[in-house]
């Protein structure tokens, strides 16, 4: 996980980790995974 602080912010805001999209983001140093967080009305 390249940015654990960002994931903590999402979780503290009530968002759940839905999954990891493998090689979803292209950066200068290559492909990176992206975590997908979601907040569904029924989860609140």
PDB file of N, CA and C in Angstrom:
ATOM      1  N   UNK A   1       0.850  -1.171   0.000  1.00  0.00           N
ATOM      2  CA  UNK A   1       0.000   0.000   0.000  1.00  0.00           C
ATOM      3  C   UNK A   1       0.895   1.232   0.000  1.00  0.00           C
ATOM      4  N   UNK A   2       0.773   2.048  -1.017  1.00  0.00           N
ATOM      5  CA  UNK A   2       1.649   3.207  -1.161  1.00  0.00           C
ATOM      6  C   UNK A   2       1.222   4.377  -0.286  1.00  0.00           C
ATOM      7  N   UNK A   3      -0.057   4.460   0.058  1.00  0.00           N
ATOM      8  CA  UNK A   3      -0.539   5.599   0.834  1.00  0.00           C
ATOM      9  C   UNK A   3      -1.498   5.128   1.931  1.00  0.00           C
ATOM     10  N   UNK A   4      -0.969   4.532   2.992  1.00  0.00           N
ATOM     11  CA  UNK A   4      -1.842   4.028   4.059  1.00  0.00           C
ATOM     12  C   UNK A   4      -2.622   5.131   4.761  1.00  0.00           C
ATOM     13  N   UNK A   5      -2.078   6.350   4.802  1.00  0.00           N
ATOM     14  CA  UNK A   5      -2.790   7.452   5.452  1.00  0.00           C
ATOM     15  C   UNK A   5      -4.096   7.754   4.716  1.00  0.00           C
ATOM     16  N   UNK A   6      -4.078   7.702   3.409  1.00  0.00           N
ATOM     17  CA  UNK A   6      -5.288   7.956   2.629  1.00  0.00           C
ATOM     18  C   UNK A   6      -6.355   6.908   2.930  1.00  0.00           C
ATOM     19  N   UNK A   7      -5.946   5.655   3.047  1.00  0.00           N
ATOM     20  CA  UNK A   7      -6.901   4.588   3.381  1.00  0.00           C
ATOM     21  C   UNK A   7      -7.467   4.794   4.782  1.00  0.00           C
ATOM     22  N   UNK A   8      -6.655   5.226   5.723  1.00  0.00           N
ATOM     23  CA  UNK A   8      -7.143   5.492   7.089  1.00  0.00           C
ATOM     24  C   UNK A   8      -8.178   6.605   7.096  1.00  0.00           C
ATOM     25  N   UNK A   9      -7.943   7.646   6.320  1.00  0.00           N
ATOM     26  CA  UNK A   9      -8.905   8.752   6.236  1.00  0.00           C
ATOM     27  C   UNK A   9     -10.241   8.246   5.704  1.00  0.00           C
ATOM     28  N   UNK A  10     -10.195   7.457   4.646  1.00  0.00           N
ATOM     29  CA  UNK A  10     -11.434   6.919   4.066  1.00  0.00           C
ATOM     30  C   UNK A  10     -12.172   6.054   5.086  1.00  0.00           C
ATOM     31  N   UNK A  11     -11.451   5.188   5.796  1.00  0.00           N
ATOM     32  CA  UNK A  11     -12.081   4.306   6.776  1.00  0.00           C
ATOM     33  C   UNK A  11     -12.666   5.097   7.940  1.00  0.00           C
ATOM     34  N   UNK A  12     -11.964   6.110   8.417  1.00  0.00           N
ATOM     35  CA  UNK A  12     -12.475   6.936   9.516  1.00  0.00           C
ATOM     36  C   UNK A  12     -13.713   7.722   9.092  1.00  0.00           C
ATOM     37  N   UNK A  13     -13.827   8.013   7.798  1.00  0.00           N
ATOM     38  CA  UNK A  13     -14.994   8.723   7.280  1.00  0.00           C
ATOM     39  C   UNK A  13     -16.171   7.777   7.036  1.00  0.00           C
ATOM     40  N   UNK A  14     -15.975   6.488   7.299  1.00  0.00           N
ATOM     41  CA  UNK A  14     -17.064   5.528   7.162  1.00  0.00           C
ATOM     42  C   UNK A  14     -17.052   4.717   5.878  1.00  0.00           C
ATOM     43  N   UNK A  15     -16.046   4.925   5.038  1.00  0.00           N
ATOM     44  CA  UNK A  15     -15.953   4.184   3.793  1.00  0.00           C
ATOM     45  C   UNK A  15     -15.338   2.811   4.049  1.00  0.00           C
ATOM     46  N   UNK A  16     -15.864   1.801   3.381  1.00  0.00           N
ATOM     47  CA  UNK A  16     -15.343   0.436   3.494  1.00  0.00           C
ATOM     48  C   UNK A  16     -14.440   0.135   2.303  1.00  0.00           C
ATOM     49  N   UNK A  17     -13.409  -0.661   2.551  1.00  0.00           N
ATOM     50  CA  UNK A  17     -12.545  -1.097   1.456  1.00  0.00           C
ATOM     51  C   UNK A  17     -13.307  -2.145   0.651  1.00  0.00           C
ATOM     52  N   UNK A  18     -13.558  -1.831  -0.603  1.00  0.00           N
ATOM     53  CA  UNK A  18     -14.296  -2.735  -1.486  1.00  0.00           C
ATOM     54  C   UNK A  18     -13.363  -3.719  -2.177  1.00  0.00           C
ATOM     55  N   UNK A  19     -12.143  -3.271  -2.457  1.00  0.00           N
ATOM     56  CA  UNK A  19     -11.215  -4.151  -3.139  1.00  0.00           C
ATOM     57  C   UNK A  19     -10.003  -3.397  -3.658  1.00  0.00           C
ATOM     58  N   UNK A  20      -9.146  -4.129  -4.342  1.00  0.00           N
ATOM     59  CA  UNK A  20      -7.934  -3.569  -4.916  1.00  0.00           C
ATOM     60  C   UNK A  20      -7.951  -3.794  -6.419  1.00  0.00           C
ATOM     61  N   UNK A  21      -7.818  -2.720  -7.149  1.00  0.00           N
ATOM     62  CA  UNK A  21      -7.746  -2.813  -8.603  1.00  0.00           C
ATOM     63  C   UNK A  21      -6.268  -2.910  -8.973  1.00  0.00           C
ATOM     64  N   UNK A  22      -5.870  -4.060  -9.427  1.00  0.00           N
ATOM     65  CA  UNK A  22      -4.466  -4.335  -9.731  1.00  0.00           C
ATOM     66  C   UNK A  22      -4.003  -3.583 -10.972  1.00  0.00           C
ATOM     67  N   UNK A  23      -2.840  -2.966 -10.857  1.00  0.00           N
ATOM     68  CA  UNK A  23      -2.218  -2.248 -11.987  1.00  0.00           C
ATOM     69  C   UNK A  23      -3.188  -1.274 -12.649  1.00  0.00           C
ATOM     70  N   UNK A  24      -3.894  -0.504 -11.846  1.00  0.00           N
ATOM     71  CA  UNK A  24      -4.915   0.412 -12.369  1.00  0.00           C
ATOM     72  C   UNK A  24      -4.361   1.795 -12.691  1.00  0.00           C
ATOM     73  N   UNK A  25      -3.250   2.165 -12.083  1.00  0.00           N
ATOM     74  CA  UNK A  25      -2.722   3.523 -12.254  1.00  0.00           C
ATOM     75  C   UNK A  25      -1.314   3.477 -12.831  1.00  0.00           C
ATOM     76  N   UNK A  26      -1.095   4.221 -13.881  1.00  0.00           N
ATOM     77  CA  UNK A  26       0.232   4.289 -14.490  1.00  0.00           C
ATOM     78  C   UNK A  26       0.950   5.535 -13.988  1.00  0.00           C
ATOM     79  N   UNK A  27       2.059   5.332 -13.298  1.00  0.00           N
ATOM     80  CA  UNK A  27       2.920   6.418 -12.826  1.00  0.00           C
ATOM     81  C   UNK A  27       4.231   6.359 -13.607  1.00  0.00           C
ATOM     82  N   UNK A  28       5.074   7.335 -13.394  1.00  0.00           N
ATOM     83  CA  UNK A  28       6.354   7.388 -14.102  1.00  0.00           C
ATOM     84  C   UNK A  28       7.205   6.146 -13.856  1.00  0.00           C
ATOM     85  N   UNK A  29       7.046   5.546 -12.657  1.00  0.00           N
ATOM     86  CA  UNK A  29       7.854   4.372 -12.324  1.00  0.00           C
ATOM     87  C   UNK A  29       7.147   3.051 -12.613  1.00  0.00           C
ATOM     88  N   UNK A  30       6.011   3.097 -13.274  1.00  0.00           N
ATOM     89  CA  UNK A  30       5.312   1.862 -13.633  1.00  0.00           C
ATOM     90  C   UNK A  30       3.883   1.825 -13.127  1.00  0.00           C
ATOM     91  N   UNK A  31       3.275   0.654 -13.216  1.00  0.00           N
ATOM     92  CA  UNK A  31       1.879   0.458 -12.832  1.00  0.00           C
ATOM     93  C   UNK A  31       1.743   0.266 -11.329  1.00  0.00           C
ATOM     94  N   UNK A  32       0.684   0.822 -10.771  1.00  0.00           N
ATOM     95  CA  UNK A  32       0.418   0.725  -9.338  1.00  0.00           C
ATOM     96  C   UNK A  32      -1.008   0.229  -9.109  1.00  0.00           C
ATOM     97  N   UNK A  33      -1.202  -0.453  -7.975  1.00  0.00           N
ATOM     98  CA  UNK A  33      -2.539  -0.876  -7.576  1.00  0.00           C
ATOM     99  C   UNK A  33      -3.307   0.321  -7.023  1.00  0.00           C
ATOM    100  N   UNK A  34      -4.625   0.241  -7.072  1.00  0.00           N
ATOM    101  CA  UNK A  34      -5.484   1.290  -6.525  1.00  0.00           C
ATOM    102  C   UNK A  34      -6.517   0.634  -5.622  1.00  0.00           C
ATOM    103  N   UNK A  35      -6.661   1.159  -4.406  1.00  0.00           N
ATOM    104  CA  UNK A  35      -7.683   0.663  -3.499  1.00  0.00           C
ATOM    105  C   UNK A  35      -8.997   1.395  -3.775  1.00  0.00           C
ATOM    106  N   UNK A  36     -10.072   0.646  -3.729  1.00  0.00           N
ATOM    107  CA  UNK A  36     -11.399   1.221  -3.971  1.00  0.00           C
ATOM    108  C   UNK A  36     -12.181   1.182  -2.664  1.00  0.00           C
ATOM    109  N   UNK A  37     -12.573   2.363  -2.184  1.00  0.00           N
ATOM    110  CA  UNK A  37     -13.394   2.490  -0.987  1.00  0.00           C
ATOM    111  C   UNK A  37     -14.773   2.976  -1.405  1.00  0.00           C
ATOM    112  N   UNK A  38     -15.798   2.543  -0.685  1.00  0.00           N
ATOM    113  CA  UNK A  38     -17.154   2.964  -1.025  1.00  0.00           C
ATOM    114  C   UNK A  38     -17.973   3.164   0.241  1.00  0.00           C
ATOM    115  N   UNK A  39     -18.967   4.023   0.120  1.00  0.00           N
ATOM    116  CA  UNK A  39     -19.914   4.271   1.198  1.00  0.00           C
ATOM    117  C   UNK A  39     -21.299   4.084   0.601  1.00  0.00           C
ATOM    118  N   UNK A  40     -22.007   3.078   1.097  1.00  0.00           N
ATOM    119  CA  UNK A  40     -23.344   2.760   0.605  1.00  0.00           C
ATOM    120  C   UNK A  40     -24.344   3.202   1.676  1.00  0.00           C
ATOM    121  N   UNK A  41     -25.434   3.803   1.249  1.00  0.00           N
ATOM    122  CA  UNK A  41     -26.422   4.333   2.179  1.00  0.00           C
ATOM    123  C   UNK A  41     -26.807   3.293   3.248  1.00  0.00           C
ATOM    124  N   UNK A  42     -26.957   2.057   2.897  1.00  0.00           N
ATOM    125  CA  UNK A  42     -27.342   1.001   3.844  1.00  0.00           C
ATOM    126  C   UNK A  42     -26.268   0.703   4.891  1.00  0.00           C
ATOM    127  N   UNK A  43     -25.032   1.128   4.642  1.00  0.00           N
ATOM    128  CA  UNK A  43     -23.931   0.883   5.590  1.00  0.00           C
ATOM    129  C   UNK A  43     -23.918   1.866   6.740  1.00  0.00           C
ATOM    130  N   UNK A  44     -24.621   2.965   6.607  1.00  0.00           N
ATOM    131  CA  UNK A  44     -24.561   4.031   7.618  1.00  0.00           C
ATOM    132  C   UNK A  44     -25.434   3.675   8.805  1.00  0.00           C
TER     133      UNK A  44
END
